[in-house]
Protein backbone atom coordinates (compact mmCIF):
# COMPACT_ATOMS: atom_id res chain seq x y z
CA MET A 1 -0.69 -8.02 -41.37
CA ILE A 2 -3.08 -9.52 -38.80
CA SER A 3 -2.64 -8.25 -35.27
CA ARG A 4 -2.02 -10.47 -32.25
CA ARG A 5 -5.31 -9.32 -30.75
CA ALA A 6 -7.28 -10.15 -33.89
CA LEU A 7 -5.56 -13.53 -34.14
CA LEU A 8 -6.41 -14.35 -30.51
CA ILE A 9 -10.03 -13.25 -30.83
CA GLY A 10 -10.38 -15.11 -34.11
CA GLY A 11 -8.92 -18.27 -32.63
CA LEU A 12 -11.21 -18.14 -29.62
CA GLY A 13 -14.15 -17.42 -31.86
CA ALA A 14 -13.36 -20.42 -34.02
CA PHE A 15 -13.06 -22.60 -30.94
CA ALA A 16 -16.44 -21.45 -29.66
CA ALA A 17 -18.04 -21.82 -33.09
CA ALA A 18 -16.82 -25.39 -33.20
CA GLY A 19 -19.04 -26.16 -30.25
CA GLY A 20 -16.53 -25.45 -27.49
CA THR A 21 -16.82 -22.92 -24.70
CA GLY A 22 -13.11 -22.14 -24.48
CA TYR A 23 -13.45 -18.37 -24.33
CA ALA A 24 -16.00 -18.50 -21.50
CA LEU A 25 -13.95 -21.05 -19.57
CA VAL A 26 -10.81 -18.91 -19.77
CA GLU A 27 -12.80 -15.74 -19.03
CA ASN A 28 -14.19 -17.31 -15.84
CA ASP A 29 -10.86 -18.81 -14.69
CA VAL A 30 -12.02 -22.38 -15.27
CA LEU A 31 -9.21 -22.86 -17.77
CA PRO A 32 -5.80 -21.16 -17.43
CA GLY A 33 -4.86 -18.21 -19.59
CA ARG A 34 -6.98 -15.40 -18.14
CA VAL A 35 -4.00 -13.10 -17.55
CA ARG A 36 -2.63 -13.53 -21.08
CA LEU A 37 -6.10 -13.11 -22.53
CA ASP A 38 -6.70 -9.85 -20.69
CA LYS A 39 -3.32 -8.49 -21.68
CA ALA A 40 -3.97 -9.35 -25.31
CA LEU A 41 -7.37 -7.65 -25.18
CA GLY A 42 -5.93 -4.50 -23.60
CA ARG A 43 -7.72 -4.88 -20.29
CA CYS A 44 -4.70 -4.08 -18.15
CA GLY A 45 -4.87 -0.35 -18.67
CA SER A 46 -2.06 2.15 -19.08
CA VAL A 47 0.14 3.71 -16.41
CA PRO A 48 -1.30 7.15 -15.55
CA ALA A 49 0.88 10.25 -15.36
CA PRO A 50 1.71 11.18 -11.77
CA PRO A 51 0.55 14.37 -10.04
CA THR A 52 2.64 17.45 -10.74
CA ALA A 53 3.55 17.92 -7.09
CA SER A 54 7.09 16.93 -6.14
CA THR A 55 9.13 16.85 -2.96
CA THR A 56 12.48 16.31 -1.31
CA VAL A 57 13.94 12.80 -1.44
CA ARG A 58 16.84 11.71 0.76
CA ARG A 59 18.99 8.61 0.32
CA PRO A 60 20.83 7.53 3.49
CA ALA A 61 23.06 4.47 3.04
CA TRP A 62 24.89 2.14 5.41
CA ARG A 63 26.50 -1.26 5.73
CA SER A 64 23.76 -3.59 6.95
CA ALA A 65 24.70 -6.18 9.55
CA HIS A 66 21.45 -8.08 8.96
CA ARG A 67 21.77 -8.12 5.17
CA ARG A 68 25.59 -8.33 5.07
CA THR A 69 25.73 -5.80 2.27
CA ASN A 70 25.36 -2.09 1.62
CA VAL A 71 21.77 -0.84 1.59
CA THR A 72 20.14 2.47 0.72
CA ALA A 73 16.86 3.87 1.98
CA THR A 74 14.98 6.25 -0.32
CA VAL A 75 13.12 8.57 2.07
CA VAL A 76 10.25 10.58 0.57
CA LEU A 77 9.18 13.61 2.59
CA PRO A 78 5.65 15.05 2.44
CA ALA A 79 6.82 18.52 1.35
CA ARG A 80 9.94 20.21 0.03
CA ASN A 81 12.58 20.98 2.64
CA ARG A 82 10.55 19.28 5.37
CA SER A 83 12.61 17.44 7.97
CA LEU A 84 11.81 14.05 9.44
CA ARG A 85 11.36 15.51 12.90
CA GLY A 86 7.90 14.80 14.28
CA LEU A 87 6.76 12.77 11.25
CA PRO A 88 5.34 9.25 11.44
CA VAL A 89 6.77 6.81 8.92
CA ALA A 90 5.48 4.24 6.46
CA VAL A 91 8.02 1.67 5.26
CA ALA A 92 7.64 0.77 1.56
CA LEU A 93 8.68 -2.69 0.35
CA HIS A 94 9.60 -3.20 -3.30
CA GLY A 95 8.82 -6.12 -5.58
CA SER A 96 11.01 -8.90 -6.97
CA GLY A 97 14.05 -7.69 -8.87
CA GLY A 98 13.74 -4.15 -7.55
CA ASP A 99 15.10 -1.96 -4.78
CA GLY A 100 13.93 1.01 -2.75
CA ALA A 101 14.83 3.59 -5.38
CA SER A 102 13.12 1.68 -8.19
CA ALA A 103 9.89 1.42 -6.17
CA VAL A 104 9.81 5.19 -5.60
CA ARG A 105 10.62 5.85 -9.25
CA ALA A 106 8.20 3.35 -10.82
CA LEU A 107 5.29 4.34 -8.59
CA ALA A 108 6.13 8.05 -8.50
CA LEU A 109 5.83 8.08 -4.71
CA ASP A 110 7.69 11.40 -4.64
CA HIS A 111 4.74 12.88 -6.54
CA TYR A 112 1.78 11.03 -5.04
CA LEU A 113 2.74 11.63 -1.38
CA PRO A 114 3.11 15.44 -1.53
CA ASP A 115 -0.08 15.63 -3.59
CA ALA A 116 -1.93 13.56 -0.98
CA VAL A 117 -0.79 15.88 1.80
CA ALA A 118 -1.15 19.20 -0.02
CA ARG A 119 -4.40 18.53 -1.89
CA GLY A 120 -5.94 15.44 -0.38
CA GLY A 121 -6.20 16.39 3.27
CA VAL A 122 -3.93 13.50 4.31
CA PRO A 123 -1.96 14.09 7.55
CA PRO A 124 1.77 14.37 6.73
CA PHE A 125 4.05 11.36 7.01
CA ALA A 126 7.27 10.13 5.41
CA ILE A 127 7.79 7.07 3.22
CA ALA A 128 11.01 5.06 3.58
CA ALA A 129 11.61 2.60 0.74
CA VAL A 130 14.60 0.42 1.53
CA ASP A 131 16.65 -2.20 -0.34
CA GLY A 132 15.47 -5.65 0.67
CA GLY A 133 17.25 -7.70 -1.98
CA PRO A 134 15.92 -8.75 -5.39
CA ASP A 135 14.50 -12.13 -4.31
CA THR A 136 14.59 -12.37 -0.51
CA TYR A 137 10.79 -12.30 -0.28
CA TRP A 138 11.26 -10.15 2.80
CA HIS A 139 12.10 -12.83 5.35
CA ALA A 140 15.23 -14.27 6.97
CA ARG A 141 17.04 -16.61 4.59
CA ALA A 142 19.30 -19.61 5.11
CA ASP A 143 22.34 -17.67 3.85
CA GLY A 144 21.94 -15.13 6.67
CA ASP A 145 20.25 -12.36 4.69
CA ASP A 146 17.52 -10.90 6.92
CA PRO A 147 15.74 -7.89 5.36
CA ILE A 148 13.03 -7.71 8.05
CA GLY A 149 15.67 -7.65 10.77
CA MET A 150 17.38 -4.85 8.84
CA ILE A 151 14.16 -2.79 8.91
CA VAL A 152 13.45 -3.35 12.60
CA ASP A 153 16.99 -3.06 13.99
CA GLU A 154 18.67 -0.68 11.52
CA LEU A 155 16.30 1.40 9.38
CA LEU A 156 13.79 2.39 12.06
CA PRO A 157 16.43 3.36 14.67
CA ARG A 158 18.19 5.52 12.05
CA LEU A 159 14.96 7.31 11.23
CA ALA A 160 14.18 7.74 14.93
CA ALA A 161 17.60 9.29 15.49
CA GLU A 162 16.58 12.03 13.05
CA GLY A 163 13.41 12.73 15.00
CA ALA A 164 10.91 10.56 13.11
CA ARG A 165 8.14 8.89 15.09
CA THR A 166 8.75 5.17 14.74
CA GLY A 167 6.94 3.80 17.79
CA ARG A 168 4.10 2.77 15.50
CA ILE A 169 4.64 2.65 11.74
CA GLY A 170 2.76 2.05 8.54
CA VAL A 171 3.86 -0.42 5.90
CA ILE A 172 3.03 -0.72 2.20
CA GLY A 173 4.30 -3.05 -0.49
CA TRP A 174 3.67 -4.29 -4.01
CA SER A 175 3.89 -7.89 -5.29
CA MET A 176 6.78 -9.49 -3.36
CA GLY A 177 6.66 -6.35 -1.23
CA GLY A 178 2.92 -6.79 -0.69
CA TYR A 179 3.67 -10.18 0.80
CA GLY A 180 6.53 -8.57 2.74
CA ALA A 181 4.18 -5.93 4.16
CA LEU A 182 2.13 -8.71 5.74
CA VAL A 183 5.28 -10.43 7.02
CA LEU A 184 6.54 -7.19 8.61
CA ALA A 185 3.12 -6.42 10.13
CA ARG A 186 3.03 -9.93 11.58
CA ARG A 187 6.54 -9.47 13.03
CA LEU A 188 5.73 -6.11 14.66
CA GLY A 189 2.15 -6.91 15.68
CA ALA A 190 -0.66 -4.48 16.45
CA ARG A 191 1.40 -2.74 19.13
CA ARG A 192 3.82 -1.31 16.57
CA THR A 193 1.87 -1.45 13.30
CA ALA A 194 -0.55 1.42 12.73
CA ALA A 195 -1.71 0.14 9.32
CA ALA A 196 -0.57 -2.14 6.49
CA VAL A 197 -1.28 -2.05 2.74
CA ALA A 198 -0.65 -5.11 0.57
CA SER A 199 -1.00 -4.26 -3.12
CA SER A 200 -1.16 -7.35 -5.36
CA PRO A 201 0.61 -9.45 -2.71
CA ALA A 202 2.66 -12.37 -4.03
CA LEU A 203 0.95 -15.15 -2.09
CA PHE A 204 1.25 -18.83 -2.92
CA ALA A 205 -0.93 -21.83 -2.17
CA SER A 206 2.07 -24.15 -1.71
CA TYR A 207 5.83 -24.32 -1.83
CA ALA A 208 5.58 -25.96 -5.26
CA ASP A 209 3.61 -22.96 -6.55
CA ALA A 210 6.15 -20.55 -5.09
CA ARG A 211 9.08 -22.44 -6.56
CA GLY A 212 7.36 -22.62 -9.93
CA THR A 213 7.02 -18.84 -9.97
CA ASN A 214 10.40 -17.94 -8.49
CA ALA A 215 12.88 -20.64 -7.55
CA ARG A 216 14.58 -18.26 -5.09
CA SER A 217 11.44 -17.19 -3.23
CA PHE A 218 11.88 -19.70 -0.36
CA ASP A 219 14.78 -21.91 0.71
CA ASP A 220 12.71 -25.07 1.04
CA ALA A 221 9.29 -26.37 2.08
CA ALA A 222 10.03 -25.73 5.75
CA ASP A 223 11.00 -22.12 5.02
CA PHE A 224 7.75 -21.65 3.13
CA ALA A 225 5.73 -23.13 6.01
CA ARG A 226 7.40 -20.87 8.59
CA ASN A 227 6.65 -17.77 6.55
CA ASP A 228 3.25 -18.65 5.10
CA VAL A 229 0.98 -15.71 5.90
CA PHE A 230 -2.04 -18.02 6.04
CA GLY A 231 -0.31 -20.13 8.70
CA ASP A 232 -0.73 -17.47 11.40
CA LEU A 233 -3.41 -14.96 10.48
CA ASP A 234 -4.10 -14.37 14.18
CA ALA A 235 -0.83 -12.40 14.29
CA LEU A 236 -2.50 -9.76 12.10
CA LYS A 237 -5.44 -9.23 14.45
CA GLY A 238 -5.92 -5.66 15.56
CA ILE A 239 -3.98 -4.23 12.60
CA PRO A 240 -5.91 -2.11 10.05
CA ILE A 241 -5.12 -3.80 6.73
CA ARG A 242 -5.92 -2.90 3.15
CA VAL A 243 -5.54 -5.44 0.30
CA ASP A 244 -5.96 -4.47 -3.36
CA CYS A 245 -5.47 -6.74 -6.36
CA GLY A 246 -6.41 -6.75 -10.03
CA THR A 247 -8.82 -9.37 -11.30
CA SER A 248 -6.38 -10.11 -14.15
CA ASP A 249 -3.44 -10.51 -11.76
CA PRO A 250 -1.92 -14.01 -11.49
CA PHE A 251 -2.11 -13.61 -7.69
CA ALA A 252 -5.83 -12.71 -7.76
CA PRO A 253 -7.05 -16.14 -6.50
CA MET A 254 -4.82 -15.98 -3.44
CA ALA A 255 -5.70 -12.33 -2.83
CA ARG A 256 -9.39 -13.29 -2.84
CA ARG A 257 -8.63 -16.07 -0.39
CA LEU A 258 -6.83 -13.66 1.93
CA ARG A 259 -9.60 -11.10 1.70
CA GLY A 260 -12.12 -13.80 2.56
CA ARG A 261 -10.17 -14.73 5.68
CA ILE A 262 -9.27 -11.36 7.21
CA HIS A 263 -11.89 -9.04 5.60
CA PRO A 264 -9.56 -6.07 5.01
CA GLU A 265 -10.29 -2.77 3.35
CA GLY A 266 -9.50 -2.37 -0.35
CA SER A 267 -10.95 -4.32 -3.24
CA MET A 268 -10.52 -6.59 -6.23
CA GLY A 269 -10.72 -4.36 -9.30
CA ARG A 270 -10.12 -4.47 -13.01
CA GLY A 271 -6.43 -4.53 -13.78
CA CYS A 272 -3.23 -6.55 -13.97
CA HIS A 273 0.02 -6.93 -12.02
CA ASP A 274 1.51 -3.61 -13.08
CA GLY A 275 1.68 0.15 -12.60
CA GLY A 276 -1.55 0.57 -14.50
CA PHE A 277 -3.30 -1.00 -11.51
CA TRP A 278 -0.98 0.15 -8.71
CA ARG A 279 -0.72 3.88 -9.39
CA PRO A 280 -4.46 4.65 -9.48
CA ARG A 281 -4.86 2.99 -6.05
CA LEU A 282 -2.14 5.08 -4.41
CA PRO A 283 -4.34 8.06 -3.41
CA ALA A 284 -6.71 5.82 -1.42
CA GLN A 285 -3.85 3.75 -0.01
CA LEU A 286 -1.85 6.80 1.12
CA ALA A 287 -4.97 8.26 2.72
CA PHE A 288 -5.52 4.96 4.54
CA LEU A 289 -1.95 5.01 5.88
CA GLY A 290 -1.86 8.70 6.70
CA HIS A 291 -5.04 8.79 8.75
CA HIS A 292 -4.22 5.61 10.66
CA LEU A 293 -0.70 6.87 11.37
CA ALA A 294 -2.03 10.20 12.63
CA ALA A 295 -4.58 8.48 14.86
CA SER A 296 -1.99 6.14 16.37
CA GLN A 297 0.62 8.67 17.46
CA PRO A 298 1.26 9.17 21.21
CA GLY A 299 -1.10 11.65 22.84
CA ARG A 300 -3.89 11.09 20.36
CA PRO A 301 -6.54 8.42 20.95
CA PRO A 302 -7.68 6.46 17.87
CA GLY A 303 -10.31 8.46 16.05
CA GLY A 304 -9.73 11.52 18.22
CA PRO A 305 -8.92 15.04 17.09
CA ARG A 306 -5.49 15.71 15.64
CA GLN A 307 -2.94 16.81 18.21
CA ALA A 308 -1.15 20.06 17.50
CA ASP A 309 2.31 19.60 15.97
CA SER A 310 4.71 22.51 16.28
CA SER A 311 6.52 21.39 13.12
CA ALA A 312 3.36 21.39 11.02
CA ARG A 313 1.13 24.19 9.80
CA PRO A 314 -1.62 25.31 12.22
CA ASP A 315 -4.93 23.51 11.78
CA ARG A 316 -7.12 26.44 10.79
CA THR A 317 -10.32 24.41 10.97
CA SER A 318 -9.54 23.53 14.59
CA GLN A 319 -8.90 27.20 15.34
CA LEU A 320 -12.20 28.07 13.68
CA SER A 321 -14.02 25.48 15.79
CA ILE A 322 -12.51 26.88 18.98
CA SER A 323 -13.35 30.43 17.94
CA ILE A 324 -16.97 29.59 17.19
CA ARG A 325 -17.46 27.73 20.45
CA SER A 326 -15.88 30.47 22.54
CA SER A 327 -17.70 33.39 20.88
CA ARG A 328 -21.23 32.00 21.01
CA PRO A 329 -23.26 31.54 24.20
CA SER A 330 -24.30 28.05 25.09
CA ARG A 331 -27.76 27.18 23.80
CA SER A 332 -29.86 24.09 24.23
CA VAL A 333 -30.40 23.70 20.48
CA ASN A 334 -30.42 20.27 18.93
CA ARG A 335 -27.65 20.73 16.39
CA PRO A 336 -24.49 18.72 15.65
CA PRO A 337 -21.26 19.98 17.22
CA VAL A 338 -19.14 22.19 14.97
CA SER A 339 -16.27 19.69 15.29
CA SER A 340 -18.50 16.96 13.82
CA VAL A 341 -19.39 19.18 10.89
CA ILE A 342 -15.72 19.91 10.30
CA ARG A 343 -14.80 16.23 10.47
CA ARG A 344 -17.48 15.42 7.90
CA SER A 345 -16.20 18.25 5.72
CA ARG A 346 -12.65 16.88 5.93
CA TYR A 347 -13.92 13.41 5.04
CA ARG A 348 -15.71 14.74 1.95
CA THR A 349 -12.55 16.63 0.93
CA VAL A 350 -10.42 13.48 1.15
CA CYS A 351 -12.98 11.42 -0.76
CA SER A 352 -13.33 14.06 -3.46
CA TRP A 353 -9.56 14.17 -3.90
CA MET A 354 -9.25 10.38 -4.04
CA CYS A 355 -12.00 10.15 -6.63
CA SER A 356 -10.32 12.78 -8.78
CA ARG A 357 -7.00 10.89 -8.61
CA SER A 358 -8.23 7.30 -8.94
CA ALA A 359 -10.19 5.60 -11.66
CA ALA A 360 -10.93 2.77 -9.25
CA THR A 361 -14.01 4.30 -7.64
CA THR A 362 -15.25 0.88 -6.62
CA ALA A 363 -12.51 0.81 -3.99
CA LEU A 364 -13.72 4.04 -2.43
CA SER A 365 -16.50 4.99 -0.07
CA PRO A 366 -19.97 5.30 -1.58
CA ASP A 367 -19.89 8.94 -0.42
CA CYS A 368 -17.34 9.61 -3.16
CA ARG A 369 -19.50 8.37 -6.01
């Protein structure tokens, strides 16, 4: 029995042999069908197994005034039995049809985060994935459902009450949640957003495009216009942003457009709109969030040395730096400070870990290659 892949290749070959250039036109996005073609040819890749590390996950629930329903937050801690006290937070926004728990489960965030902290040199932080509704597209709706208001006025105060640092937060999302990450960052602004990651964001060129993809994505054309990310890109100024998207993703054209406008970190890489693309990018994305969150906490200037945290393990490299400086007499030798050497060593450690965890080396620093 002929396979679907063989049938597709044979059909395209026959079309090209007949004098057409159908395959090339589809391959180069001149004609539609690139996503289906890549899936048929196996270009989407498989979902990798998560790291073996695991951690404590908590699930606080409450009746949301902003969403008018019961919601649950799935809170992933950076290590087993670690409390929220003293930890910065990244809010994770799920995709269409999902919820907070499904995002953590599908992306194995309870494995990738502890691995990033324990083996990747990423400063510890917590991830809070919360229920935003299956098709709210993370903005206030005409029926009164307001998932962004729920995050700002309910989730963050609850986390703060347990000792988490919520003055400045990180945000990450996938698909509908990738769009939502940009919406939340725009709502909070640079004053409260330490960093934002939009993975395969569900962005649309028009209300008609949005309605054609998901009829419940926006209430009407006016709702789309009010919440169009491209309508107010200035609101994202000053926020470190990372945007990743697969070249075989249906949202790739709009992701390229966004990247061309705001010049974020991240990349367009081989892959589709699925876990086979999203999971391999997590190490680099979590490192991006973790380091920006650590740099933005009170008492630490951006890019400055990490401030001691009584709830965390002692920074032995900092102790070593202090010991070396205090035990050696001052000399007028032209050598780099020990702290600079240590920072470069940490950077190489993080890059080495990200490269070992991610097949998408094109998204990483050249130092990792």
